[in-house]
């Protein structure tokens, strides 16, 4: 079964400072009324240009949702969990995960 939807608007969001600090910018591609973007709640276009390898964020919990990452170009992560341009990653939090 296919669901047809009508394109309601086109916009180019402004860059905003990201939560990872200097070198992190994010644009909200999808936000607002969930009925307009179901099943997506939020979709961000993040740009990361860190000049050092200092870890940011640290372990933090998620529960009850999935995150999807698609890396367009470059590399990110450490030697155990490195993503390269074209890589796609899904994290299912379910009842809870700390990463």
PDB file of N, CA and C in Angstrom:
ATOM      1  N   UNK A   1       0.838  -1.172   0.000  1.00  0.00           N
ATOM      2  CA  UNK A   1       0.000   0.000   0.000  1.00  0.00           C
ATOM      3  C   UNK A   1       0.891   1.245   0.000  1.00  0.00           C
ATOM      4  N   UNK A   2       0.618   2.160  -0.882  1.00  0.00           N
ATOM      5  CA  UNK A   2       1.397   3.393  -0.915  1.00  0.00           C
ATOM      6  C   UNK A   2       0.552   4.543  -0.377  1.00  0.00           C
ATOM      7  N   UNK A   3       1.240   5.467   0.255  1.00  0.00           N
ATOM      8  CA  UNK A   3       0.580   6.654   0.789  1.00  0.00           C
ATOM      9  C   UNK A   3       1.070   7.842  -0.017  1.00  0.00           C
ATOM     10  N   UNK A   4       0.166   8.558  -0.611  1.00  0.00           N
ATOM     11  CA  UNK A   4       0.536   9.746  -1.379  1.00  0.00           C
ATOM     12  C   UNK A   4       0.405  10.965  -0.479  1.00  0.00           C
ATOM     13  N   UNK A   5       1.397  11.808  -0.548  1.00  0.00           N
ATOM     14  CA  UNK A   5       1.382  13.045   0.225  1.00  0.00           C
ATOM     15  C   UNK A   5       1.661  14.206  -0.703  1.00  0.00           C
ATOM     16  N   UNK A   6       1.133  15.330  -0.355  1.00  0.00           N
ATOM     17  CA  UNK A   6       1.320  16.541  -1.135  1.00  0.00           C
ATOM     18  C   UNK A   6       2.429  17.375  -0.488  1.00  0.00           C
ATOM     19  N   UNK A   7       3.362  17.864  -1.312  1.00  0.00           N
ATOM     20  CA  UNK A   7       4.419  18.732  -0.819  1.00  0.00           C
ATOM     21  C   UNK A   7       3.783  20.037  -0.377  1.00  0.00           C
ATOM     22  N   UNK A   8       3.948  20.382   0.906  1.00  0.00           N
ATOM     23  CA  UNK A   8       3.284  21.572   1.431  1.00  0.00           C
ATOM     24  C   UNK A   8       4.178  22.796   1.474  1.00  0.00           C
ATOM     25  N   UNK A   9       5.500  22.598   1.612  1.00  0.00           N
ATOM     26  CA  UNK A   9       6.408  23.743   1.619  1.00  0.00           C
ATOM     27  C   UNK A   9       7.836  23.283   1.368  1.00  0.00           C
ATOM     28  N   UNK A  10       8.647  24.204   0.885  1.00  0.00           N
ATOM     29  CA  UNK A  10      10.070  23.969   0.675  1.00  0.00           C
ATOM     30  C   UNK A  10      10.802  25.118   1.360  1.00  0.00           C
ATOM     31  N   UNK A  11      11.786  24.774   2.190  1.00  0.00           N
ATOM     32  CA  UNK A  11      12.540  25.823   2.858  1.00  0.00           C
ATOM     33  C   UNK A  11      13.973  25.359   3.081  1.00  0.00           C
ATOM     34  N   UNK A  12      14.873  26.320   3.238  1.00  0.00           N
ATOM     35  CA  UNK A  12      16.266  26.029   3.562  1.00  0.00           C
ATOM     36  C   UNK A  12      16.531  26.605   4.943  1.00  0.00           C
ATOM     37  N   UNK A  13      16.659  25.741   5.952  1.00  0.00           N
ATOM     38  CA  UNK A  13      16.858  26.235   7.313  1.00  0.00           C
ATOM     39  C   UNK A  13      18.244  26.838   7.499  1.00  0.00           C
ATOM     40  N   UNK A  14      18.339  27.725   8.466  1.00  0.00           N
ATOM     41  CA  UNK A  14      19.613  28.361   8.805  1.00  0.00           C
ATOM     42  C   UNK A  14      20.455  27.418   9.664  1.00  0.00           C
ATOM     43  N   UNK A  15      21.773  27.528   9.553  1.00  0.00           N
ATOM     44  CA  UNK A  15      22.670  26.792  10.447  1.00  0.00           C
ATOM     45  C   UNK A  15      22.489  27.294  11.873  1.00  0.00           C
ATOM     46  N   UNK A  16      22.554  26.374  12.823  1.00  0.00           N
ATOM     47  CA  UNK A  16      22.513  26.707  14.241  1.00  0.00           C
ATOM     48  C   UNK A  16      23.722  26.063  14.903  1.00  0.00           C
ATOM     49  N   UNK A  17      24.259  26.682  15.978  1.00  0.00           N
ATOM     50  CA  UNK A  17      25.350  26.020  16.694  1.00  0.00           C
ATOM     51  C   UNK A  17      24.879  24.666  17.213  1.00  0.00           C
ATOM     52  N   UNK A  18      25.684  23.628  17.030  1.00  0.00           N
ATOM     53  CA  UNK A  18      25.329  22.290  17.494  1.00  0.00           C
ATOM     54  C   UNK A  18      25.698  22.074  18.949  1.00  0.00           C
ATOM     55  N   UNK A  19      25.175  21.020  19.543  1.00  0.00           N
ATOM     56  CA  UNK A  19      25.396  20.739  20.960  1.00  0.00           C
ATOM     57  C   UNK A  19      26.799  20.222  21.261  1.00  0.00           C
ATOM     58  N   UNK A  20      27.585  19.881  20.231  1.00  0.00           N
ATOM     59  CA  UNK A  20      28.936  19.364  20.452  1.00  0.00           C
ATOM     60  C   UNK A  20      29.983  20.460  20.585  1.00  0.00           C
ATOM     61  N   UNK A  21      29.575  21.727  20.498  1.00  0.00           N
ATOM     62  CA  UNK A  21      30.494  22.836  20.689  1.00  0.00           C
ATOM     63  C   UNK A  21      31.093  23.338  19.385  1.00  0.00           C
ATOM     64  N   UNK A  22      32.241  24.044  19.473  1.00  0.00           N
ATOM     65  CA  UNK A  22      32.860  24.630  18.282  1.00  0.00           C
ATOM     66  C   UNK A  22      33.095  23.594  17.189  1.00  0.00           C
ATOM     67  N   UNK A  23      32.800  23.975  15.966  1.00  0.00           N
ATOM     68  CA  UNK A  23      32.977  23.080  14.831  1.00  0.00           C
ATOM     69  C   UNK A  23      31.767  22.217  14.536  1.00  0.00           C
ATOM     70  N   UNK A  24      30.672  22.384  15.299  1.00  0.00           N
ATOM     71  CA  UNK A  24      29.448  21.604  15.071  1.00  0.00           C
ATOM     72  C   UNK A  24      28.303  22.562  14.743  1.00  0.00           C
ATOM     73  N   UNK A  25      27.725  22.358  13.564  1.00  0.00           N
ATOM     74  CA  UNK A  25      26.568  23.137  13.119  1.00  0.00           C
ATOM     75  C   UNK A  25      25.455  22.174  12.747  1.00  0.00           C
ATOM     76  N   UNK A  26      24.228  22.584  12.960  1.00  0.00           N
ATOM     77  CA  UNK A  26      23.088  21.719  12.658  1.00  0.00           C
ATOM     78  C   UNK A  26      21.961  22.545  12.046  1.00  0.00           C
ATOM     79  N   UNK A  27      21.264  21.933  11.099  1.00  0.00           N
ATOM     80  CA  UNK A  27      20.087  22.562  10.489  1.00  0.00           C
ATOM     81  C   UNK A  27      18.894  21.633  10.700  1.00  0.00           C
ATOM     82  N   UNK A  28      17.796  22.142  11.255  1.00  0.00           N
ATOM     83  CA  UNK A  28      16.600  21.306  11.409  1.00  0.00           C
ATOM     84  C   UNK A  28      15.881  21.164  10.073  1.00  0.00           C
ATOM     85  N   UNK A  29      15.969  19.990   9.461  1.00  0.00           N
ATOM     86  CA  UNK A  29      15.311  19.745   8.175  1.00  0.00           C
ATOM     87  C   UNK A  29      13.835  19.461   8.401  1.00  0.00           C
ATOM     88  N   UNK A  30      13.522  18.684   9.445  1.00  0.00           N
ATOM     89  CA  UNK A  30      12.133  18.405   9.816  1.00  0.00           C
ATOM     90  C   UNK A  30      11.958  18.768  11.280  1.00  0.00           C
ATOM     91  N   UNK A  31      10.970  19.575  11.564  1.00  0.00           N
ATOM     92  CA  UNK A  31      10.555  19.869  12.932  1.00  0.00           C
ATOM     93  C   UNK A  31       9.137  20.413  12.824  1.00  0.00           C
ATOM     94  N   UNK A  32       8.482  20.523  13.928  1.00  0.00           N
ATOM     95  CA  UNK A  32       7.129  21.071  13.886  1.00  0.00           C
ATOM     96  C   UNK A  32       6.066  20.010  13.996  1.00  0.00           C
ATOM     97  N   UNK A  33       4.892  20.270  13.431  1.00  0.00           N
ATOM     98  CA  UNK A  33       3.771  19.328  13.592  1.00  0.00           C
ATOM     99  C   UNK A  33       4.129  17.925  13.095  1.00  0.00           C
ATOM    100  N   UNK A  34       4.006  16.934  13.988  1.00  0.00           N
ATOM    101  CA  UNK A  34       4.364  15.563  13.627  1.00  0.00           C
ATOM    102  C   UNK A  34       3.490  15.021  12.508  1.00  0.00           C
ATOM    103  N   UNK A  35       2.273  15.528  12.370  1.00  0.00           N
ATOM    104  CA  UNK A  35       1.391  15.038  11.305  1.00  0.00           C
ATOM    105  C   UNK A  35       1.963  15.354   9.924  1.00  0.00           C
ATOM    106  N   UNK A  36       2.832  16.365   9.844  1.00  0.00           N
ATOM    107  CA  UNK A  36       3.456  16.726   8.567  1.00  0.00           C
ATOM    108  C   UNK A  36       4.648  15.835   8.228  1.00  0.00           C
ATOM    109  N   UNK A  37       5.245  15.185   9.230  1.00  0.00           N
ATOM    110  CA  UNK A  37       6.487  14.445   8.990  1.00  0.00           C
ATOM    111  C   UNK A  37       6.444  12.987   9.442  1.00  0.00           C
ATOM    112  N   UNK A  38       5.303  12.520   9.925  1.00  0.00           N
ATOM    113  CA  UNK A  38       5.161  11.143  10.402  1.00  0.00           C
ATOM    114  C   UNK A  38       5.708  10.165   9.368  1.00  0.00           C
ATOM    115  N   UNK A  39       6.575   9.236   9.701  1.00  0.00           N
ATOM    116  CA  UNK A  39       6.911   8.752  11.038  1.00  0.00           C
ATOM    117  C   UNK A  39       8.122   9.443  11.666  1.00  0.00           C
ATOM    118  N   UNK A  40       8.667  10.469  11.031  1.00  0.00           N
ATOM    119  CA  UNK A  40       9.846  11.140  11.573  1.00  0.00           C
ATOM    120  C   UNK A  40       9.428  12.198  12.582  1.00  0.00           C
ATOM    121  N   UNK A  41      10.170  12.286  13.683  1.00  0.00           N
ATOM    122  CA  UNK A  41       9.907  13.306  14.688  1.00  0.00           C
ATOM    123  C   UNK A  41      10.809  14.507  14.433  1.00  0.00           C
ATOM    124  N   UNK A  42      12.070  14.225  14.137  1.00  0.00           N
ATOM    125  CA  UNK A  42      13.021  15.296  13.861  1.00  0.00           C
ATOM    126  C   UNK A  42      14.050  14.766  12.862  1.00  0.00           C
ATOM    127  N   UNK A  43      14.528  15.626  12.009  1.00  0.00           N
ATOM    128  CA  UNK A  43      15.587  15.275  11.068  1.00  0.00           C
ATOM    129  C   UNK A  43      16.540  16.455  11.022  1.00  0.00           C
ATOM    130  N   UNK A  44      17.800  16.190  11.367  1.00  0.00           N
ATOM    131  CA  UNK A  44      18.802  17.248  11.403  1.00  0.00           C
ATOM    132  C   UNK A  44      19.868  16.989  10.346  1.00  0.00           C
ATOM    133  N   UNK A  45      20.362  18.062   9.766  1.00  0.00           N
ATOM    134  CA  UNK A  45      21.512  18.018   8.868  1.00  0.00           C
ATOM    135  C   UNK A  45      22.676  18.585   9.671  1.00  0.00           C
ATOM    136  N   UNK A  46      23.532  17.707  10.190  1.00  0.00           N
ATOM    137  CA  UNK A  46      24.645  18.129  11.041  1.00  0.00           C
ATOM    138  C   UNK A  46      25.927  18.224  10.235  1.00  0.00           C
ATOM    139  N   UNK A  47      26.717  19.250  10.513  1.00  0.00           N
ATOM    140  CA  UNK A  47      28.040  19.415   9.930  1.00  0.00           C
ATOM    141  C   UNK A  47      29.033  19.468  11.075  1.00  0.00           C
ATOM    142  N   UNK A  48      30.054  18.631  11.016  1.00  0.00           N
ATOM    143  CA  UNK A  48      31.026  18.546  12.098  1.00  0.00           C
ATOM    144  C   UNK A  48      32.421  18.743  11.528  1.00  0.00           C
ATOM    145  N   UNK A  49      33.124  19.741  12.044  1.00  0.00           N
ATOM    146  CA  UNK A  49      34.486  20.030  11.603  1.00  0.00           C
ATOM    147  C   UNK A  49      35.346  20.255  12.840  1.00  0.00           C
ATOM    148  N   UNK A  50      35.529  19.190  13.615  1.00  0.00           N
ATOM    149  CA  UNK A  50      36.360  19.285  14.819  1.00  0.00           C
ATOM    150  C   UNK A  50      37.824  19.268  14.409  1.00  0.00           C
ATOM    151  N   UNK A  51      38.592  20.119  15.040  1.00  0.00           N
ATOM    152  CA  UNK A  51      40.009  20.234  14.708  1.00  0.00           C
ATOM    153  C   UNK A  51      40.882  19.331  15.568  1.00  0.00           C
ATOM    154  N   UNK A  52      40.288  18.662  16.577  1.00  0.00           N
ATOM    155  CA  UNK A  52      41.082  17.783  17.431  1.00  0.00           C
ATOM    156  C   UNK A  52      40.316  16.483  17.669  1.00  0.00           C
ATOM    157  N   UNK A  53      40.919  15.583  18.411  1.00  0.00           N
ATOM    158  CA  UNK A  53      40.281  14.283  18.660  1.00  0.00           C
ATOM    159  C   UNK A  53      39.720  14.178  20.074  1.00  0.00           C
ATOM    160  N   UNK A  54      39.569  15.313  20.765  1.00  0.00           N
ATOM    161  CA  UNK A  54      39.008  15.301  22.108  1.00  0.00           C
ATOM    162  C   UNK A  54      37.577  14.784  22.058  1.00  0.00           C
ATOM    163  N   UNK A  55      37.269  13.737  22.837  1.00  0.00           N
ATOM    164  CA  UNK A  55      35.893  13.220  22.838  1.00  0.00           C
ATOM    165  C   UNK A  55      34.911  14.271  23.348  1.00  0.00           C
ATOM    166  N   UNK A  56      33.706  14.237  22.844  1.00  0.00           N
ATOM    167  CA  UNK A  56      32.656  15.155  23.296  1.00  0.00           C
ATOM    168  C   UNK A  56      31.436  14.342  23.713  1.00  0.00           C
ATOM    169  N   UNK A  57      30.664  14.916  24.618  1.00  0.00           N
ATOM    170  CA  UNK A  57      29.399  14.290  24.987  1.00  0.00           C
ATOM    171  C   UNK A  57      29.496  13.300  26.125  1.00  0.00           C
ATOM    172  N   UNK A  58      30.200  12.208  25.932  1.00  0.00           N
ATOM    173  CA  UNK A  58      30.264  11.167  26.942  1.00  0.00           C
ATOM    174  C   UNK A  58      29.032  10.276  26.909  1.00  0.00           C
ATOM    175  N   UNK A  59      29.043   9.193  27.682  1.00  0.00           N
ATOM    176  CA  UNK A  59      27.914   8.260  27.691  1.00  0.00           C
ATOM    177  C   UNK A  59      26.609   8.952  28.090  1.00  0.00           C
ATOM    178  N   UNK A  60      25.550   8.661  27.361  1.00  0.00           N
ATOM    179  CA  UNK A  60      24.235   9.228  27.670  1.00  0.00           C
ATOM    180  C   UNK A  60      23.145   8.260  27.216  1.00  0.00           C
ATOM    181  N   UNK A  61      21.979   8.294  27.880  1.00  0.00           N
ATOM    182  CA  UNK A  61      20.926   7.316  27.597  1.00  0.00           C
ATOM    183  C   UNK A  61      19.958   7.753  26.500  1.00  0.00           C
ATOM    184  N   UNK A  62      19.362   6.761  25.853  1.00  0.00           N
ATOM    185  CA  UNK A  62      18.237   6.936  24.930  1.00  0.00           C
ATOM    186  C   UNK A  62      17.254   5.814  25.230  1.00  0.00           C
ATOM    187  N   UNK A  63      15.975   6.052  25.023  1.00  0.00           N
ATOM    188  CA  UNK A  63      14.972   4.991  25.197  1.00  0.00           C
ATOM    189  C   UNK A  63      13.774   5.271  24.299  1.00  0.00           C
ATOM    190  N   UNK A  64      13.250   4.217  23.687  1.00  0.00           N
ATOM    191  CA  UNK A  64      11.992   4.304  22.961  1.00  0.00           C
ATOM    192  C   UNK A  64      12.030   4.939  21.582  1.00  0.00           C
ATOM    193  N   UNK A  65      13.177   5.008  20.946  1.00  0.00           N
ATOM    194  CA  UNK A  65      13.220   5.544  19.581  1.00  0.00           C
ATOM    195  C   UNK A  65      14.443   5.025  18.842  1.00  0.00           C
ATOM    196  N   UNK A  66      14.531   5.345  17.569  1.00  0.00           N
ATOM    197  CA  UNK A  66      15.680   4.958  16.753  1.00  0.00           C
ATOM    198  C   UNK A  66      16.372   6.206  16.236  1.00  0.00           C
ATOM    199  N   UNK A  67      17.697   6.145  16.174  1.00  0.00           N
ATOM    200  CA  UNK A  67      18.450   7.184  15.482  1.00  0.00           C
ATOM    201  C   UNK A  67      19.037   6.568  14.220  1.00  0.00           C
ATOM    202  N   UNK A  68      19.068   7.349  13.174  1.00  0.00           N
ATOM    203  CA  UNK A  68      19.610   6.911  11.890  1.00  0.00           C
ATOM    204  C   UNK A  68      20.678   7.920  11.485  1.00  0.00           C
ATOM    205  N   UNK A  69      21.855   7.437  11.157  1.00  0.00           N
ATOM    206  CA  UNK A  69      22.947   8.303  10.713  1.00  0.00           C
ATOM    207  C   UNK A  69      23.383   7.879   9.319  1.00  0.00           C
ATOM    208  N   UNK A  70      23.525   8.857   8.431  1.00  0.00           N
ATOM    209  CA  UNK A  70      24.038   8.627   7.082  1.00  0.00           C
ATOM    210  C   UNK A  70      25.145   9.641   6.872  1.00  0.00           C
ATOM    211  N   UNK A  71      26.371   9.172   6.757  1.00  0.00           N
ATOM    212  CA  UNK A  71      27.516  10.053   6.616  1.00  0.00           C
ATOM    213  C   UNK A  71      27.764  10.318   5.135  1.00  0.00           C
ATOM    214  N   UNK A  72      27.629  11.576   4.735  1.00  0.00           N
ATOM    215  CA  UNK A  72      27.791  11.934   3.326  1.00  0.00           C
ATOM    216  C   UNK A  72      29.252  11.918   2.898  1.00  0.00           C
ATOM    217  N   UNK A  73      30.118  12.496   3.735  1.00  0.00           N
ATOM    218  CA  UNK A  73      31.541  12.546   3.381  1.00  0.00           C
ATOM    219  C   UNK A  73      32.375  12.624   4.647  1.00  0.00           C
ATOM    220  N   UNK A  74      33.651  12.318   4.526  1.00  0.00           N
ATOM    221  CA  UNK A  74      34.560  12.367   5.661  1.00  0.00           C
ATOM    222  C   UNK A  74      34.520  11.101   6.489  1.00  0.00           C
ATOM    223  N   UNK A  75      35.029  11.203   7.709  1.00  0.00           N
ATOM    224  CA  UNK A  75      35.054  10.083   8.647  1.00  0.00           C
ATOM    225  C   UNK A  75      34.720  10.598  10.032  1.00  0.00           C
ATOM    226  N   UNK A  76      34.150   9.717  10.865  1.00  0.00           N
ATOM    227  CA  UNK A  76      33.934  10.058  12.268  1.00  0.00           C
ATOM    228  C   UNK A  76      33.923   8.783  13.091  1.00  0.00           C
ATOM    229  N   UNK A  77      34.206   8.931  14.373  1.00  0.00           N
ATOM    230  CA  UNK A  77      34.245   7.784  15.265  1.00  0.00           C
ATOM    231  C   UNK A  77      35.667   7.448  15.653  1.00  0.00           C
ATOM    232  N   UNK A  78      35.800   6.327  16.375  1.00  0.00           N
ATOM    233  CA  UNK A  78      37.124   5.879  16.779  1.00  0.00           C
ATOM    234  C   UNK A  78      37.499   4.632  15.977  1.00  0.00           C
ATOM    235  N   UNK A  79      38.626   4.029  16.322  1.00  0.00           N
ATOM    236  CA  UNK A  79      39.095   2.873  15.545  1.00  0.00           C
ATOM    237  C   UNK A  79      38.127   1.695  15.605  1.00  0.00           C
ATOM    238  N   UNK A  80      37.412   1.536  16.721  1.00  0.00           N
ATOM    239  CA  UNK A  80      36.453   0.426  16.859  1.00  0.00           C
ATOM    240  C   UNK A  80      35.156   0.683  16.103  1.00  0.00           C
ATOM    241  N   UNK A  81      34.753   1.937  16.035  1.00  0.00           N
ATOM    242  CA  UNK A  81      33.451   2.278  15.455  1.00  0.00           C
ATOM    243  C   UNK A  81      33.598   3.458  14.498  1.00  0.00           C
ATOM    244  N   UNK A  82      34.285   3.268  13.411  1.00  0.00           N
ATOM    245  CA  UNK A  82      34.520   4.361  12.463  1.00  0.00           C
ATOM    246  C   UNK A  82      33.497   4.328  11.339  1.00  0.00           C
ATOM    247  N   UNK A  83      32.911   5.498  11.046  1.00  0.00           N
ATOM    248  CA  UNK A  83      32.027   5.642   9.890  1.00  0.00           C
ATOM    249  C   UNK A  83      32.770   6.419   8.821  1.00  0.00           C
ATOM    250  N   UNK A  84      32.558   6.039   7.569  1.00  0.00           N
ATOM    251  CA  UNK A  84      33.152   6.727   6.429  1.00  0.00           C
ATOM    252  C   UNK A  84      32.035   7.194   5.512  1.00  0.00           C
ATOM    253  N   UNK A  85      32.351   8.108   4.588  1.00  0.00           N
ATOM    254  CA  UNK A  85      31.364   8.607   3.644  1.00  0.00           C
ATOM    255  C   UNK A  85      30.590   7.476   2.983  1.00  0.00           C
ATOM    256  N   UNK A  86      29.260   7.566   3.002  1.00  0.00           N
ATOM    257  CA  UNK A  86      28.404   6.541   2.422  1.00  0.00           C
ATOM    258  C   UNK A  86      27.903   5.523   3.436  1.00  0.00           C
ATOM    259  N   UNK A  87      28.483   5.510   4.651  1.00  0.00           N
ATOM    260  CA  UNK A  87      28.034   4.568   5.682  1.00  0.00           C
ATOM    261  C   UNK A  87      26.686   4.994   6.258  1.00  0.00           C
ATOM    262  N   UNK A  88      25.923   3.992   6.668  1.00  0.00           N
ATOM    263  CA  UNK A  88      24.570   4.165   7.196  1.00  0.00           C
ATOM    264  C   UNK A  88      24.500   3.383   8.500  1.00  0.00           C
ATOM    265  N   UNK A  89      23.995   4.002   9.563  1.00  0.00           N
ATOM    266  CA  UNK A  89      23.945   3.347  10.867  1.00  0.00           C
ATOM    267  C   UNK A  89      22.578   3.568  11.500  1.00  0.00           C
ATOM    268  N   UNK A  90      22.009   2.508  12.086  1.00  0.00           N
ATOM    269  CA  UNK A  90      20.739   2.605  12.807  1.00  0.00           C
ATOM    270  C   UNK A  90      20.976   2.151  14.243  1.00  0.00           C
ATOM    271  N   UNK A  91      20.512   2.950  15.202  1.00  0.00           N
ATOM    272  CA  UNK A  91      20.563   2.559  16.607  1.00  0.00           C
ATOM    273  C   UNK A  91      19.127   2.461  17.111  1.00  0.00           C
ATOM    274  N   UNK A  92      18.732   1.280  17.566  1.00  0.00           N
ATOM    275  CA  UNK A  92      17.400   1.079  18.128  1.00  0.00           C
ATOM    276  C   UNK A  92      17.523   1.089  19.643  1.00  0.00           C
ATOM    277  N   UNK A  93      16.919   2.099  20.283  1.00  0.00           N
ATOM    278  CA  UNK A  93      17.034   2.227  21.729  1.00  0.00           C
ATOM    279  C   UNK A  93      16.071   1.297  22.463  1.00  0.00           C
ATOM    280  N   UNK A  94      14.887   1.045  21.923  1.00  0.00           N
ATOM    281  CA  UNK A  94      13.934   0.142  22.568  1.00  0.00           C
ATOM    282  C   UNK A  94      13.690   0.517  24.014  1.00  0.00           C
ATOM    283  N   UNK A  95      13.943  -0.429  24.942  1.00  0.00           N
ATOM    284  CA  UNK A  95      13.738  -0.184  26.365  1.00  0.00           C
ATOM    285  C   UNK A  95      14.830   0.672  26.986  1.00  0.00           C
ATOM    286  N   UNK A  96      15.922   0.903  26.264  1.00  0.00           N
ATOM    287  CA  UNK A  96      16.974   1.772  26.764  1.00  0.00           C
ATOM    288  C   UNK A  96      18.353   1.322  26.333  1.00  0.00           C
ATOM    289  N   UNK A  97      19.212   2.297  26.073  1.00  0.00           N
ATOM    290  CA  UNK A  97      20.600   2.047  25.707  1.00  0.00           C
ATOM    291  C   UNK A  97      21.424   3.236  26.185  1.00  0.00           C
ATOM    292  N   UNK A  98      22.641   2.980  26.584  1.00  0.00           N
ATOM    293  CA  UNK A  98      23.582   4.049  26.907  1.00  0.00           C
ATOM    294  C   UNK A  98      24.722   3.921  25.911  1.00  0.00           C
ATOM    295  N   UNK A  99      25.021   5.028  25.254  1.00  0.00           N
ATOM    296  CA  UNK A  99      26.133   4.986  24.283  1.00  0.00           C
ATOM    297  C   UNK A  99      26.979   6.224  24.423  1.00  0.00           C
TER     298      UNK A  99
END
